[in-house]
Amino acid sequence: MFYCERCESRFNATVAAAAGDCPRCKESDGVASKLRFRLFEPSALKVAGLSPSRKAAVPRSQPAK
C-alpha cells in the first residue's frame, strides 16, 4: 500500500506507479507530494498482536542469534 504523507490518502501500486505523486494533493492544491510505501498499517500489526515499534539493534560486538 502506498500513502501520501501530506494528506494520508492511500493508493494501490497501480496508481503509485502511474502517478508517482499524490493525485489528490496535486489536483486540489497543486502540490507535488511523493507517495511512500508502507508494508503494514500500525493498526493491523496491533490486531495481529505484533508490536509496530522497532526493537533495538544488536550491538556489532555481539553476533546475531
PDB file of N, CA and C in Angstrom:
ATOM      1  N   MET A   1       0.842  -1.165   0.000  1.00  0.00           N
ATOM      2  CA  MET A   1       0.000   0.000   0.000  1.00  0.00           C
ATOM      3  C   MET A   1       0.896   1.240   0.000  1.00  0.00           C
ATOM      4  N   PHE A   2       0.552   2.197  -0.796  1.00  0.00           N
ATOM      5  CA  PHE A   2       1.279   3.464  -0.847  1.00  0.00           C
ATOM      6  C   PHE A   2       0.403   4.539  -0.211  1.00  0.00           C
ATOM      7  N   TYR A   3       1.018   5.490   0.448  1.00  0.00           N
ATOM      8  CA  TYR A   3       0.257   6.549   1.095  1.00  0.00           C
ATOM      9  C   TYR A   3       0.944   7.892   0.902  1.00  0.00           C
ATOM     10  N   CYS A   4       0.152   8.928   1.016  1.00  0.00           N
ATOM     11  CA  CYS A   4       0.661  10.291   0.928  1.00  0.00           C
ATOM     12  C   CYS A   4       0.928  10.789   2.343  1.00  0.00           C
ATOM     13  N   GLU A   5       2.145  11.271   2.581  1.00  0.00           N
ATOM     14  CA  GLU A   5       2.475  11.782   3.915  1.00  0.00           C
ATOM     15  C   GLU A   5       1.756  13.094   4.216  1.00  0.00           C
ATOM     16  N   ARG A   6       1.346  13.798   3.190  1.00  0.00           N
ATOM     17  CA  ARG A   6       0.707  15.103   3.376  1.00  0.00           C
ATOM     18  C   ARG A   6      -0.770  14.958   3.756  1.00  0.00           C
ATOM     19  N   CYS A   7      -1.524  14.212   2.952  1.00  0.00           N
ATOM     20  CA  CYS A   7      -2.969  14.097   3.210  1.00  0.00           C
ATOM     21  C   CYS A   7      -3.368  12.725   3.745  1.00  0.00           C
ATOM     22  N   GLU A   8      -2.414  11.799   3.827  1.00  0.00           N
ATOM     23  CA  GLU A   8      -2.611  10.454   4.354  1.00  0.00           C
ATOM     24  C   GLU A   8      -3.588   9.604   3.547  1.00  0.00           C
ATOM     25  N   SER A   9      -3.797   9.941   2.274  1.00  0.00           N
ATOM     26  CA  SER A   9      -4.607   9.109   1.393  1.00  0.00           C
ATOM     27  C   SER A   9      -3.807   7.869   1.033  1.00  0.00           C
ATOM     28  N   ARG A  10      -4.518   6.765   0.798  1.00  0.00           N
ATOM     29  CA  ARG A  10      -3.854   5.514   0.443  1.00  0.00           C
ATOM     30  C   ARG A  10      -4.159   5.148  -1.005  1.00  0.00           C
ATOM     31  N   PHE A  11      -3.151   4.558  -1.674  1.00  0.00           N
ATOM     32  CA  PHE A  11      -3.287   4.178  -3.079  1.00  0.00           C
ATOM     33  C   PHE A  11      -2.660   2.815  -3.314  1.00  0.00           C
ATOM     34  N   ASN A  12      -3.153   2.118  -4.338  1.00  0.00           N
ATOM     35  CA  ASN A  12      -2.560   0.829  -4.685  1.00  0.00           C
ATOM     36  C   ASN A  12      -1.329   1.042  -5.560  1.00  0.00           C
ATOM     37  N   ALA A  13      -0.638  -0.041  -5.869  1.00  0.00           N
ATOM     38  CA  ALA A  13       0.618   0.038  -6.626  1.00  0.00           C
ATOM     39  C   ALA A  13       0.413   0.579  -8.036  1.00  0.00           C
ATOM     40  N   THR A  14      -0.742   0.312  -8.642  1.00  0.00           N
ATOM     41  CA  THR A  14      -1.011   0.794  -9.998  1.00  0.00           C
ATOM     42  C   THR A  14      -1.056   2.317 -10.042  1.00  0.00           C
ATOM     43  N   VAL A  15      -1.754   2.917  -9.104  1.00  0.00           N
ATOM     44  CA  VAL A  15      -1.848   4.381  -9.043  1.00  0.00           C
ATOM     45  C   VAL A  15      -0.475   4.978  -8.722  1.00  0.00           C
ATOM     46  N   ALA A  16       0.252   4.358  -7.792  1.00  0.00           N
ATOM     47  CA  ALA A  16       1.571   4.866  -7.405  1.00  0.00           C
ATOM     48  C   ALA A  16       2.549   4.814  -8.571  1.00  0.00           C
ATOM     49  N   ALA A  17       2.490   3.738  -9.356  1.00  0.00           N
ATOM     50  CA  ALA A  17       3.398   3.613 -10.497  1.00  0.00           C
ATOM     51  C   ALA A  17       3.050   4.610 -11.594  1.00  0.00           C
ATOM     52  N   ALA A  18       1.777   4.859 -11.791  1.00  0.00           N
ATOM     53  CA  ALA A  18       1.344   5.776 -12.845  1.00  0.00           C
ATOM     54  C   ALA A  18       1.566   7.238 -12.465  1.00  0.00           C
ATOM     55  N   ALA A  19       1.298   7.575 -11.211  1.00  0.00           N
ATOM     56  CA  ALA A  19       1.332   8.975 -10.793  1.00  0.00           C
ATOM     57  C   ALA A  19       2.682   9.371 -10.181  1.00  0.00           C
ATOM     58  N   GLY A  20       3.186   8.586  -9.245  1.00  0.00           N
ATOM     59  CA  GLY A  20       4.412   8.941  -8.539  1.00  0.00           C
ATOM     60  C   GLY A  20       4.164   9.931  -7.418  1.00  0.00           C
ATOM     61  N   ASP A  21       3.352  10.935  -7.682  1.00  0.00           N
ATOM     62  CA  ASP A  21       2.952  11.911  -6.671  1.00  0.00           C
ATOM     63  C   ASP A  21       1.490  11.679  -6.313  1.00  0.00           C
ATOM     64  N   CYS A  22       1.071  12.221  -5.187  1.00  0.00           N
ATOM     65  CA  CYS A  22      -0.310  12.078  -4.748  1.00  0.00           C
ATOM     66  C   CYS A  22      -1.241  12.819  -5.709  1.00  0.00           C
ATOM     67  N   PRO A  23      -2.136  12.096  -6.386  1.00  0.00           N
ATOM     68  CA  PRO A  23      -3.037  12.764  -7.317  1.00  0.00           C
ATOM     69  C   PRO A  23      -4.026  13.701  -6.628  1.00  0.00           C
ATOM     70  N   ARG A  24      -4.403  13.404  -5.389  1.00  0.00           N
ATOM     71  CA  ARG A  24      -5.352  14.275  -4.667  1.00  0.00           C
ATOM     72  C   ARG A  24      -4.719  15.610  -4.290  1.00  0.00           C
ATOM     73  N   CYS A  25      -3.491  15.572  -3.780  1.00  0.00           N
ATOM     74  CA  CYS A  25      -2.801  16.822  -3.423  1.00  0.00           C
ATOM     75  C   CYS A  25      -2.516  17.649  -4.667  1.00  0.00           C
ATOM     76  N   LYS A  26      -2.136  16.967  -5.748  1.00  0.00           N
ATOM     77  CA  LYS A  26      -1.826  17.667  -6.982  1.00  0.00           C
ATOM     78  C   LYS A  26      -3.072  18.331  -7.567  1.00  0.00           C
ATOM     79  N   GLU A  27      -4.206  17.632  -7.536  1.00  0.00           N
ATOM     80  CA  GLU A  27      -5.450  18.153  -8.099  1.00  0.00           C
ATOM     81  C   GLU A  27      -6.036  19.273  -7.238  1.00  0.00           C
ATOM     82  N   SER A  28      -6.103  19.057  -5.935  1.00  0.00           N
ATOM     83  CA  SER A  28      -6.778  20.033  -5.077  1.00  0.00           C
ATOM     84  C   SER A  28      -5.930  21.251  -4.737  1.00  0.00           C
ATOM     85  N   ASP A  29      -4.617  21.037  -4.475  1.00  0.00           N
ATOM     86  CA  ASP A  29      -3.774  22.138  -4.013  1.00  0.00           C
ATOM     87  C   ASP A  29      -2.636  22.488  -4.959  1.00  0.00           C
ATOM     88  N   GLY A  30      -2.438  21.680  -6.001  1.00  0.00           N
ATOM     89  CA  GLY A  30      -1.336  21.916  -6.921  1.00  0.00           C
ATOM     90  C   GLY A  30       0.027  21.619  -6.320  1.00  0.00           C
ATOM     91  N   VAL A  31       0.057  20.759  -5.298  1.00  0.00           N
ATOM     92  CA  VAL A  31       1.295  20.426  -4.595  1.00  0.00           C
ATOM     93  C   VAL A  31       1.736  19.018  -4.982  1.00  0.00           C
ATOM     94  N   ALA A  32       3.016  18.849  -5.293  1.00  0.00           N
ATOM     95  CA  ALA A  32       3.558  17.532  -5.594  1.00  0.00           C
ATOM     96  C   ALA A  32       4.047  16.901  -4.295  1.00  0.00           C
ATOM     97  N   SER A  33       3.357  15.866  -3.843  1.00  0.00           N
ATOM     98  CA  SER A  33       3.711  15.158  -2.617  1.00  0.00           C
ATOM     99  C   SER A  33       3.960  13.698  -2.980  1.00  0.00           C
ATOM    100  N   LYS A  34       5.168  13.222  -2.732  1.00  0.00           N
ATOM    101  CA  LYS A  34       5.543  11.852  -3.095  1.00  0.00           C
ATOM    102  C   LYS A  34       4.732  10.825  -2.328  1.00  0.00           C
ATOM    103  N   LEU A  35       4.453   9.716  -2.987  1.00  0.00           N
ATOM    104  CA  LEU A  35       3.791   8.602  -2.334  1.00  0.00           C
ATOM    105  C   LEU A  35       4.848   7.708  -1.712  1.00  0.00           C
ATOM    106  N   ARG A  36       4.604   7.268  -0.493  1.00  0.00           N
ATOM    107  CA  ARG A  36       5.531   6.420   0.246  1.00  0.00           C
ATOM    108  C   ARG A  36       4.931   5.029   0.398  1.00  0.00           C
ATOM    109  N   PHE A  37       5.802   4.014   0.412  1.00  0.00           N
ATOM    110  CA  PHE A  37       5.358   2.641   0.577  1.00  0.00           C
ATOM    111  C   PHE A  37       5.304   2.295   2.056  1.00  0.00           C
ATOM    112  N   ARG A  38       4.212   1.653   2.461  1.00  0.00           N
ATOM    113  CA  ARG A  38       4.085   1.170   3.834  1.00  0.00           C
ATOM    114  C   ARG A  38       3.592  -0.269   3.748  1.00  0.00           C
ATOM    115  N   LEU A  39       4.401  -1.199   4.253  1.00  0.00           N
ATOM    116  CA  LEU A  39       4.067  -2.608   4.153  1.00  0.00           C
ATOM    117  C   LEU A  39       2.844  -2.956   4.988  1.00  0.00           C
ATOM    118  N   PHE A  40       2.801  -2.512   6.232  1.00  0.00           N
ATOM    119  CA  PHE A  40       1.679  -2.799   7.114  1.00  0.00           C
ATOM    120  C   PHE A  40       1.242  -1.532   7.815  1.00  0.00           C
ATOM    121  N   GLU A  41      -0.030  -1.418   8.046  1.00  0.00           N
ATOM    122  CA  GLU A  41      -0.557  -0.325   8.855  1.00  0.00           C
ATOM    123  C   GLU A  41      -0.288  -0.649  10.319  1.00  0.00           C
ATOM    124  N   PRO A  42       0.059   0.318  11.153  1.00  0.00           N
ATOM    125  CA  PRO A  42       0.287   0.045  12.575  1.00  0.00           C
ATOM    126  C   PRO A  42      -0.921  -0.609  13.246  1.00  0.00           C
ATOM    127  N   SER A  43      -2.142  -0.242  12.863  1.00  0.00           N
ATOM    128  CA  SER A  43      -3.333  -0.835  13.464  1.00  0.00           C
ATOM    129  C   SER A  43      -3.452  -2.314  13.114  1.00  0.00           C
ATOM    130  N   ALA A  44      -3.028  -2.705  11.893  1.00  0.00           N
ATOM    131  CA  ALA A  44      -3.079  -4.112  11.501  1.00  0.00           C
ATOM    132  C   ALA A  44      -2.087  -4.931  12.321  1.00  0.00           C
ATOM    133  N   LEU A  45      -0.928  -4.357  12.615  1.00  0.00           N
ATOM    134  CA  LEU A  45       0.045  -5.045  13.447  1.00  0.00           C
ATOM    135  C   LEU A  45      -0.487  -5.243  14.862  1.00  0.00           C
ATOM    136  N   LYS A  46      -1.180  -4.248  15.390  1.00  0.00           N
ATOM    137  CA  LYS A  46      -1.735  -4.335  16.741  1.00  0.00           C
ATOM    138  C   LYS A  46      -2.795  -5.434  16.813  1.00  0.00           C
ATOM    139  N   VAL A  47      -3.642  -5.533  15.814  1.00  0.00           N
ATOM    140  CA  VAL A  47      -4.676  -6.568  15.772  1.00  0.00           C
ATOM    141  C   VAL A  47      -4.032  -7.952  15.730  1.00  0.00           C
ATOM    142  N   ALA A  48      -2.912  -8.063  15.025  1.00  0.00           N
ATOM    143  CA  ALA A  48      -2.211  -9.344  14.911  1.00  0.00           C
ATOM    144  C   ALA A  48      -1.391  -9.674  16.164  1.00  0.00           C
ATOM    145  N   GLY A  49      -1.368  -8.760  17.129  1.00  0.00           N
ATOM    146  CA  GLY A  49      -0.619  -8.992  18.354  1.00  0.00           C
ATOM    147  C   GLY A  49       0.859  -8.709  18.223  1.00  0.00           C
ATOM    148  N   LEU A  50       1.240  -7.940  17.208  1.00  0.00           N
ATOM    149  CA  LEU A  50       2.641  -7.597  16.987  1.00  0.00           C
ATOM    150  C   LEU A  50       2.893  -6.155  17.387  1.00  0.00           C
ATOM    151  N   SER A  51       4.124  -5.859  17.744  1.00  0.00           N
ATOM    152  CA  SER A  51       4.482  -4.507  18.130  1.00  0.00           C
ATOM    153  C   SER A  51       4.914  -3.723  16.897  1.00  0.00           C
ATOM    154  N   PRO A  52       4.303  -2.553  16.619  1.00  0.00           N
ATOM    155  CA  PRO A  52       4.703  -1.774  15.453  1.00  0.00           C
ATOM    156  C   PRO A  52       6.039  -1.066  15.613  1.00  0.00           C
ATOM    157  N   SER A  53       6.587  -0.997  16.815  1.00  0.00           N
ATOM    158  CA  SER A  53       7.864  -0.308  17.015  1.00  0.00           C
ATOM    159  C   SER A  53       9.016  -1.262  16.746  1.00  0.00           C
ATOM    160  N   ARG A  54      10.144  -0.679  16.320  1.00  0.00           N
ATOM    161  CA  ARG A  54      11.341  -1.474  16.043  1.00  0.00           C
ATOM    162  C   ARG A  54      12.064  -1.782  17.338  1.00  0.00           C
ATOM    163  N   LYS A  55      12.654  -2.963  17.395  1.00  0.00           N
ATOM    164  CA  LYS A  55      13.462  -3.326  18.558  1.00  0.00           C
ATOM    165  C   LYS A  55      14.865  -2.775  18.367  1.00  0.00           C
ATOM    166  N   ALA A  56      15.569  -2.619  19.469  1.00  0.00           N
ATOM    167  CA  ALA A  56      16.936  -2.095  19.410  1.00  0.00           C
ATOM    168  C   ALA A  56      17.820  -3.049  18.617  1.00  0.00           C
ATOM    169  N   ALA A  57      18.718  -2.481  17.870  1.00  0.00           N
ATOM    170  CA  ALA A  57      19.638  -3.290  17.069  1.00  0.00           C
ATOM    171  C   ALA A  57      20.654  -3.987  17.951  1.00  0.00           C
ATOM    172  N   VAL A  58      21.116  -5.136  17.499  1.00  0.00           N
ATOM    173  CA  VAL A  58      22.127  -5.882  18.235  1.00  0.00           C
ATOM    174  C   VAL A  58      23.473  -5.163  18.059  1.00  0.00           C
ATOM    175  N   PRO A  59      24.188  -4.903  19.170  1.00  0.00           N
ATOM    176  CA  PRO A  59      25.495  -4.250  19.037  1.00  0.00           C
ATOM    177  C   PRO A  59      26.423  -5.068  18.151  1.00  0.00           C
ATOM    178  N   ARG A  60      27.311  -4.403  17.431  1.00  0.00           N
ATOM    179  CA  ARG A  60      28.198  -5.083  16.491  1.00  0.00           C
ATOM    180  C   ARG A  60      29.145  -6.045  17.166  1.00  0.00           C
ATOM    181  N   SER A  61      29.431  -5.853  18.464  1.00  0.00           N
ATOM    182  CA  SER A  61      30.352  -6.733  19.156  1.00  0.00           C
ATOM    183  C   SER A  61      29.719  -8.097  19.444  1.00  0.00           C
ATOM    184  N   GLN A  62      28.377  -8.168  19.397  1.00  0.00           N
ATOM    185  CA  GLN A  62      27.684  -9.426  19.645  1.00  0.00           C
ATOM    186  C   GLN A  62      27.136  -9.981  18.332  1.00  0.00           C
ATOM    187  N   PRO A  63      27.316 -11.275  18.094  1.00  0.00           N
ATOM    188  CA  PRO A  63      26.741 -11.861  16.873  1.00  0.00           C
ATOM    189  C   PRO A  63      25.229 -11.981  17.002  1.00  0.00           C
ATOM    190  N   ALA A  64      24.544 -11.853  15.893  1.00  0.00           N
ATOM    191  CA  ALA A  64      23.090 -12.007  15.892  1.00  0.00           C
ATOM    192  C   ALA A  64      22.750 -13.471  16.098  1.00  0.00           C
ATOM    193  N   LYS A  65      21.679 -13.734  16.820  1.00  0.00           N
ATOM    194  CA  LYS A  65      21.263 -15.120  17.098  1.00  0.00           C
ATOM    195  C   LYS A  65      20.232 -15.573  16.116  1.00  0.00           C
TER     196      LYS A  65
END
